[in-house]
Amino acid sequence: MPTYRAAYIPPEAGSNGVGVLLTTQEQSTLTDDELMMVARQLAAANDVEGEIVIGDWIE
């Protein structure tokens, strides 16, 4: 399973769900600011709410 740096919304505490991935593996080399900008745009365009974090995403 690949692991890469991504922007995502983590699952709610205590849930068995998974987070919402907002960026792709191809975008993992972007700076934090660029990654966050892409994630915010995607979240807004898709009415996705929650705190966006940057970290390791495991497929």
PDB file of N, CA and C in Angstrom:
ATOM      1  N   MET A   1       0.845  -1.180   0.000  1.00  0.00           N
ATOM      2  CA  MET A   1       0.000   0.000   0.000  1.00  0.00           C
ATOM      3  C   MET A   1       0.892   1.245   0.000  1.00  0.00           C
ATOM      4  N   PRO A   2       0.699   2.117  -0.984  1.00  0.00           N
ATOM      5  CA  PRO A   2       1.525   3.321  -1.021  1.00  0.00           C
ATOM      6  C   PRO A   2       1.150   4.307   0.086  1.00  0.00           C
ATOM      7  N   THR A   3       2.150   4.996   0.579  1.00  0.00           N
ATOM      8  CA  THR A   3       1.968   6.066   1.554  1.00  0.00           C
ATOM      9  C   THR A   3       2.565   7.322   0.957  1.00  0.00           C
ATOM     10  N   TYR A   4       1.843   8.426   1.048  1.00  0.00           N
ATOM     11  CA  TYR A   4       2.353   9.689   0.523  1.00  0.00           C
ATOM     12  C   TYR A   4       1.784  10.858   1.308  1.00  0.00           C
ATOM     13  N   ARG A   5       2.443  11.996   1.172  1.00  0.00           N
ATOM     14  CA  ARG A   5       2.039  13.222   1.850  1.00  0.00           C
ATOM     15  C   ARG A   5       0.814  13.788   1.135  1.00  0.00           C
ATOM     16  N   ALA A   6      -0.214  14.122   1.909  1.00  0.00           N
ATOM     17  CA  ALA A   6      -1.463  14.599   1.317  1.00  0.00           C
ATOM     18  C   ALA A   6      -2.192  15.532   2.270  1.00  0.00           C
ATOM     19  N   ALA A   7      -3.151  16.250   1.713  1.00  0.00           N
ATOM     20  CA  ALA A   7      -4.067  17.055   2.524  1.00  0.00           C
ATOM     21  C   ALA A   7      -5.385  16.284   2.588  1.00  0.00           C
ATOM     22  N   TYR A   8      -5.938  16.172   3.783  1.00  0.00           N
ATOM     23  CA  TYR A   8      -7.161  15.394   3.960  1.00  0.00           C
ATOM     24  C   TYR A   8      -7.894  15.861   5.207  1.00  0.00           C
ATOM     25  N   ILE A   9      -9.134  15.414   5.322  1.00  0.00           N
ATOM     26  CA  ILE A   9      -9.922  15.659   6.524  1.00  0.00           C
ATOM     27  C   ILE A   9      -9.974  14.328   7.265  1.00  0.00           C
ATOM     28  N   PRO A  10      -9.412  14.279   8.469  1.00  0.00           N
ATOM     29  CA  PRO A  10      -9.391  13.006   9.207  1.00  0.00           C
ATOM     30  C   PRO A  10     -10.797  12.587   9.643  1.00  0.00           C
ATOM     31  N   PRO A  11     -10.987  11.307   9.928  1.00  0.00           N
ATOM     32  CA  PRO A  11     -12.294  10.853  10.415  1.00  0.00           C
ATOM     33  C   PRO A  11     -12.566  11.438  11.801  1.00  0.00           C
ATOM     34  N   GLU A  12     -13.827  11.514  12.134  1.00  0.00           N
ATOM     35  CA  GLU A  12     -14.197  12.015  13.458  1.00  0.00           C
ATOM     36  C   GLU A  12     -13.694  11.058  14.527  1.00  0.00           C
ATOM     37  N   ALA A  13     -13.308  11.614  15.662  1.00  0.00           N
ATOM     38  CA  ALA A  13     -12.803  10.796  16.772  1.00  0.00           C
ATOM     39  C   ALA A  13     -13.849   9.772  17.180  1.00  0.00           C
ATOM     40  N   GLY A  14     -13.412   8.561  17.354  1.00  0.00           N
ATOM     41  CA  GLY A  14     -14.299   7.491  17.788  1.00  0.00           C
ATOM     42  C   GLY A  14     -15.071   6.816  16.674  1.00  0.00           C
ATOM     43  N   SER A  15     -14.921   7.299  15.443  1.00  0.00           N
ATOM     44  CA  SER A  15     -15.648   6.668  14.336  1.00  0.00           C
ATOM     45  C   SER A  15     -14.805   5.562  13.717  1.00  0.00           C
ATOM     46  N   ASN A  16     -15.448   4.684  13.017  1.00  0.00           N
ATOM     47  CA  ASN A  16     -14.750   3.620  12.299  1.00  0.00           C
ATOM     48  C   ASN A  16     -14.530   4.001  10.840  1.00  0.00           C
ATOM     49  N   GLY A  17     -14.885   5.241  10.482  1.00  0.00           N
ATOM     50  CA  GLY A  17     -14.771   5.698   9.105  1.00  0.00           C
ATOM     51  C   GLY A  17     -13.353   6.062   8.734  1.00  0.00           C
ATOM     52  N   VAL A  18     -13.190   6.438   7.501  1.00  0.00           N
ATOM     53  CA  VAL A  18     -11.897   6.895   7.007  1.00  0.00           C
ATOM     54  C   VAL A  18     -11.997   8.383   6.733  1.00  0.00           C
ATOM     55  N   GLY A  19     -10.857   9.012   6.565  1.00  0.00           N
ATOM     56  CA  GLY A  19     -10.845  10.430   6.258  1.00  0.00           C
ATOM     57  C   GLY A  19     -11.234  10.691   4.815  1.00  0.00           C
ATOM     58  N   VAL A  20     -11.289  11.971   4.471  1.00  0.00           N
ATOM     59  CA  VAL A  20     -11.619  12.397   3.119  1.00  0.00           C
ATOM     60  C   VAL A  20     -10.344  12.924   2.481  1.00  0.00           C
ATOM     61  N   LEU A  21      -9.841  12.225   1.493  1.00  0.00           N
ATOM     62  CA  LEU A  21      -8.628  12.617   0.792  1.00  0.00           C
ATOM     63  C   LEU A  21      -8.942  13.764  -0.158  1.00  0.00           C
ATOM     64  N   LEU A  22      -8.148  14.836  -0.089  1.00  0.00           N
ATOM     65  CA  LEU A  22      -8.406  16.008  -0.916  1.00  0.00           C
ATOM     66  C   LEU A  22      -7.340  16.256  -1.974  1.00  0.00           C
ATOM     67  N   THR A  23      -6.205  15.629  -1.863  1.00  0.00           N
ATOM     68  CA  THR A  23      -5.147  15.811  -2.853  1.00  0.00           C
ATOM     69  C   THR A  23      -4.656  14.454  -3.339  1.00  0.00           C
ATOM     70  N   THR A  24      -3.915  14.475  -4.435  1.00  0.00           N
ATOM     71  CA  THR A  24      -3.466  13.230  -5.051  1.00  0.00           C
ATOM     72  C   THR A  24      -1.998  12.955  -4.756  1.00  0.00           C
ATOM     73  N   GLN A  25      -1.591  11.737  -5.062  1.00  0.00           N
ATOM     74  CA  GLN A  25      -0.192  11.362  -4.890  1.00  0.00           C
ATOM     75  C   GLN A  25       0.710  12.243  -5.758  1.00  0.00           C
ATOM     76  N   GLU A  26       0.249  12.622  -6.936  1.00  0.00           N
ATOM     77  CA  GLU A  26       1.029  13.477  -7.828  1.00  0.00           C
ATOM     78  C   GLU A  26       1.261  14.867  -7.235  1.00  0.00           C
ATOM     79  N   GLN A  27       0.385  15.301  -6.339  1.00  0.00           N
ATOM     80  CA  GLN A  27       0.505  16.618  -5.715  1.00  0.00           C
ATOM     81  C   GLN A  27       1.334  16.585  -4.433  1.00  0.00           C
ATOM     82  N   SER A  28       1.829  15.435  -4.047  1.00  0.00           N
ATOM     83  CA  SER A  28       2.522  15.287  -2.764  1.00  0.00           C
ATOM     84  C   SER A  28       3.816  16.083  -2.663  1.00  0.00           C
ATOM     85  N   THR A  29       4.368  16.534  -3.783  1.00  0.00           N
ATOM     86  CA  THR A  29       5.608  17.311  -3.749  1.00  0.00           C
ATOM     87  C   THR A  29       5.356  18.812  -3.647  1.00  0.00           C
ATOM     88  N   LEU A  30       4.094  19.223  -3.653  1.00  0.00           N
ATOM     89  CA  LEU A  30       3.773  20.644  -3.491  1.00  0.00           C
ATOM     90  C   LEU A  30       4.171  21.115  -2.092  1.00  0.00           C
ATOM     91  N   THR A  31       4.367  22.410  -1.943  1.00  0.00           N
ATOM     92  CA  THR A  31       4.646  22.963  -0.613  1.00  0.00           C
ATOM     93  C   THR A  31       3.387  22.832   0.242  1.00  0.00           C
ATOM     94  N   ASP A  32       3.528  23.002   1.541  1.00  0.00           N
ATOM     95  CA  ASP A  32       2.364  22.944   2.430  1.00  0.00           C
ATOM     96  C   ASP A  32       1.310  23.965   2.015  1.00  0.00           C
ATOM     97  N   ASP A  33       1.740  25.188   1.699  1.00  0.00           N
ATOM     98  CA  ASP A  33       0.793  26.234   1.301  1.00  0.00           C
ATOM     99  C   ASP A  33       0.057  25.860   0.020  1.00  0.00           C
ATOM    100  N   GLU A  34       0.773  25.321  -0.953  1.00  0.00           N
ATOM    101  CA  GLU A  34       0.159  24.914  -2.216  1.00  0.00           C
ATOM    102  C   GLU A  34      -0.796  23.747  -2.003  1.00  0.00           C
ATOM    103  N   LEU A  35      -0.376  22.786  -1.206  1.00  0.00           N
ATOM    104  CA  LEU A  35      -1.211  21.628  -0.920  1.00  0.00           C
ATOM    105  C   LEU A  35      -2.499  22.058  -0.221  1.00  0.00           C
ATOM    106  N   MET A  36      -2.391  22.965   0.724  1.00  0.00           N
ATOM    107  CA  MET A  36      -3.560  23.448   1.455  1.00  0.00           C
ATOM    108  C   MET A  36      -4.489  24.241   0.530  1.00  0.00           C
ATOM    109  N   MET A  37      -3.925  25.021  -0.387  1.00  0.00           N
ATOM    110  CA  MET A  37      -4.734  25.794  -1.322  1.00  0.00           C
ATOM    111  C   MET A  37      -5.552  24.858  -2.216  1.00  0.00           C
ATOM    112  N   VAL A  38      -4.918  23.826  -2.748  1.00  0.00           N
ATOM    113  CA  VAL A  38      -5.615  22.855  -3.589  1.00  0.00           C
ATOM    114  C   VAL A  38      -6.714  22.163  -2.776  1.00  0.00           C
ATOM    115  N   ALA A  39      -6.396  21.764  -1.570  1.00  0.00           N
ATOM    116  CA  ALA A  39      -7.361  21.059  -0.719  1.00  0.00           C
ATOM    117  C   ALA A  39      -8.559  21.938  -0.391  1.00  0.00           C
ATOM    118  N   ARG A  40      -8.328  23.196  -0.063  1.00  0.00           N
ATOM    119  CA  ARG A  40      -9.437  24.109   0.253  1.00  0.00           C
ATOM    120  C   ARG A  40     -10.338  24.327  -0.959  1.00  0.00           C
ATOM    121  N   GLN A  41      -9.732  24.463  -2.135  1.00  0.00           N
ATOM    122  CA  GLN A  41     -10.520  24.650  -3.357  1.00  0.00           C
ATOM    123  C   GLN A  41     -11.387  23.426  -3.627  1.00  0.00           C
ATOM    124  N   LEU A  42     -10.817  22.247  -3.500  1.00  0.00           N
ATOM    125  CA  LEU A  42     -11.559  21.016  -3.743  1.00  0.00           C
ATOM    126  C   LEU A  42     -12.671  20.826  -2.704  1.00  0.00           C
ATOM    127  N   ALA A  43     -12.357  21.106  -1.455  1.00  0.00           N
ATOM    128  CA  ALA A  43     -13.364  20.974  -0.392  1.00  0.00           C
ATOM    129  C   ALA A  43     -14.538  21.925  -0.637  1.00  0.00           C
ATOM    130  N   ALA A  44     -14.237  23.169  -0.994  1.00  0.00           N
ATOM    131  CA  ALA A  44     -15.291  24.150  -1.251  1.00  0.00           C
ATOM    132  C   ALA A  44     -16.136  23.761  -2.460  1.00  0.00           C
ATOM    133  N   ALA A  45     -15.498  23.283  -3.511  1.00  0.00           N
ATOM    134  CA  ALA A  45     -16.211  22.905  -4.729  1.00  0.00           C
ATOM    135  C   ALA A  45     -17.131  21.707  -4.512  1.00  0.00           C
ATOM    136  N   ASN A  46     -16.828  20.882  -3.512  1.00  0.00           N
ATOM    137  CA  ASN A  46     -17.605  19.670  -3.255  1.00  0.00           C
ATOM    138  C   ASN A  46     -18.384  19.715  -1.948  1.00  0.00           C
ATOM    139  N   ASP A  47     -18.499  20.907  -1.354  1.00  0.00           N
ATOM    140  CA  ASP A  47     -19.231  21.089  -0.094  1.00  0.00           C
ATOM    141  C   ASP A  47     -18.778  20.133   0.998  1.00  0.00           C
ATOM    142  N   VAL A  48     -17.453  19.935   1.089  1.00  0.00           N
ATOM    143  CA  VAL A  48     -16.875  19.078   2.114  1.00  0.00           C
ATOM    144  C   VAL A  48     -16.430  19.966   3.269  1.00  0.00           C
ATOM    145  N   GLU A  49     -16.853  19.634   4.474  1.00  0.00           N
ATOM    146  CA  GLU A  49     -16.511  20.438   5.639  1.00  0.00           C
ATOM    147  C   GLU A  49     -15.655  19.636   6.607  1.00  0.00           C
ATOM    148  N   GLY A  50     -14.836  20.340   7.364  1.00  0.00           N
ATOM    149  CA  GLY A  50     -13.997  19.720   8.368  1.00  0.00           C
ATOM    150  C   GLY A  50     -12.620  20.344   8.360  1.00  0.00           C
ATOM    151  N   GLU A  51     -11.856  20.038   9.381  1.00  0.00           N
ATOM    152  CA  GLU A  51     -10.506  20.576   9.494  1.00  0.00           C
ATOM    153  C   GLU A  51      -9.567  19.833   8.556  1.00  0.00           C
ATOM    154  N   ILE A  52      -8.895  20.575   7.697  1.00  0.00           N
ATOM    155  CA  ILE A  52      -7.957  19.985   6.744  1.00  0.00           C
ATOM    156  C   ILE A  52      -6.589  19.897   7.393  1.00  0.00           C
ATOM    157  N   VAL A  53      -5.977  18.724   7.288  1.00  0.00           N
ATOM    158  CA  VAL A  53      -4.637  18.511   7.824  1.00  0.00           C
ATOM    159  C   VAL A  53      -3.729  17.994   6.708  1.00  0.00           C
ATOM    160  N   ILE A  54      -2.433  18.158   6.898  1.00  0.00           N
ATOM    161  CA  ILE A  54      -1.447  17.625   5.976  1.00  0.00           C
ATOM    162  C   ILE A  54      -0.651  16.563   6.727  1.00  0.00           C
ATOM    163  N   GLY A  55      -0.534  15.396   6.108  1.00  0.00           N
ATOM    164  CA  GLY A  55       0.187  14.311   6.753  1.00  0.00           C
ATOM    165  C   GLY A  55       0.320  13.137   5.815  1.00  0.00           C
ATOM    166  N   ASP A  56       0.748  12.009   6.348  1.00  0.00           N
ATOM    167  CA  ASP A  56       0.903  10.806   5.541  1.00  0.00           C
ATOM    168  C   ASP A  56      -0.458  10.151   5.307  1.00  0.00           C
ATOM    169  N   TRP A  57      -0.726   9.845   4.049  1.00  0.00           N
ATOM    170  CA  TRP A  57      -1.969   9.167   3.669  1.00  0.00           C
ATOM    171  C   TRP A  57      -1.592   7.769   3.197  1.00  0.00           C
ATOM    172  N   ILE A  58      -2.254   6.762   3.711  1.00  0.00           N
ATOM    173  CA  ILE A  58      -1.997   5.377   3.322  1.00  0.00           C
ATOM    174  C   ILE A  58      -3.172   4.897   2.471  1.00  0.00           C
ATOM    175  N   GLU A  59      -2.874   4.467   1.264  1.00  0.00           N
ATOM    176  CA  GLU A  59      -3.909   3.961   0.360  1.00  0.00           C
ATOM    177  C   GLU A  59      -4.515   2.693   0.900  1.00  0.00           C
TER     178      GLU A  59
END
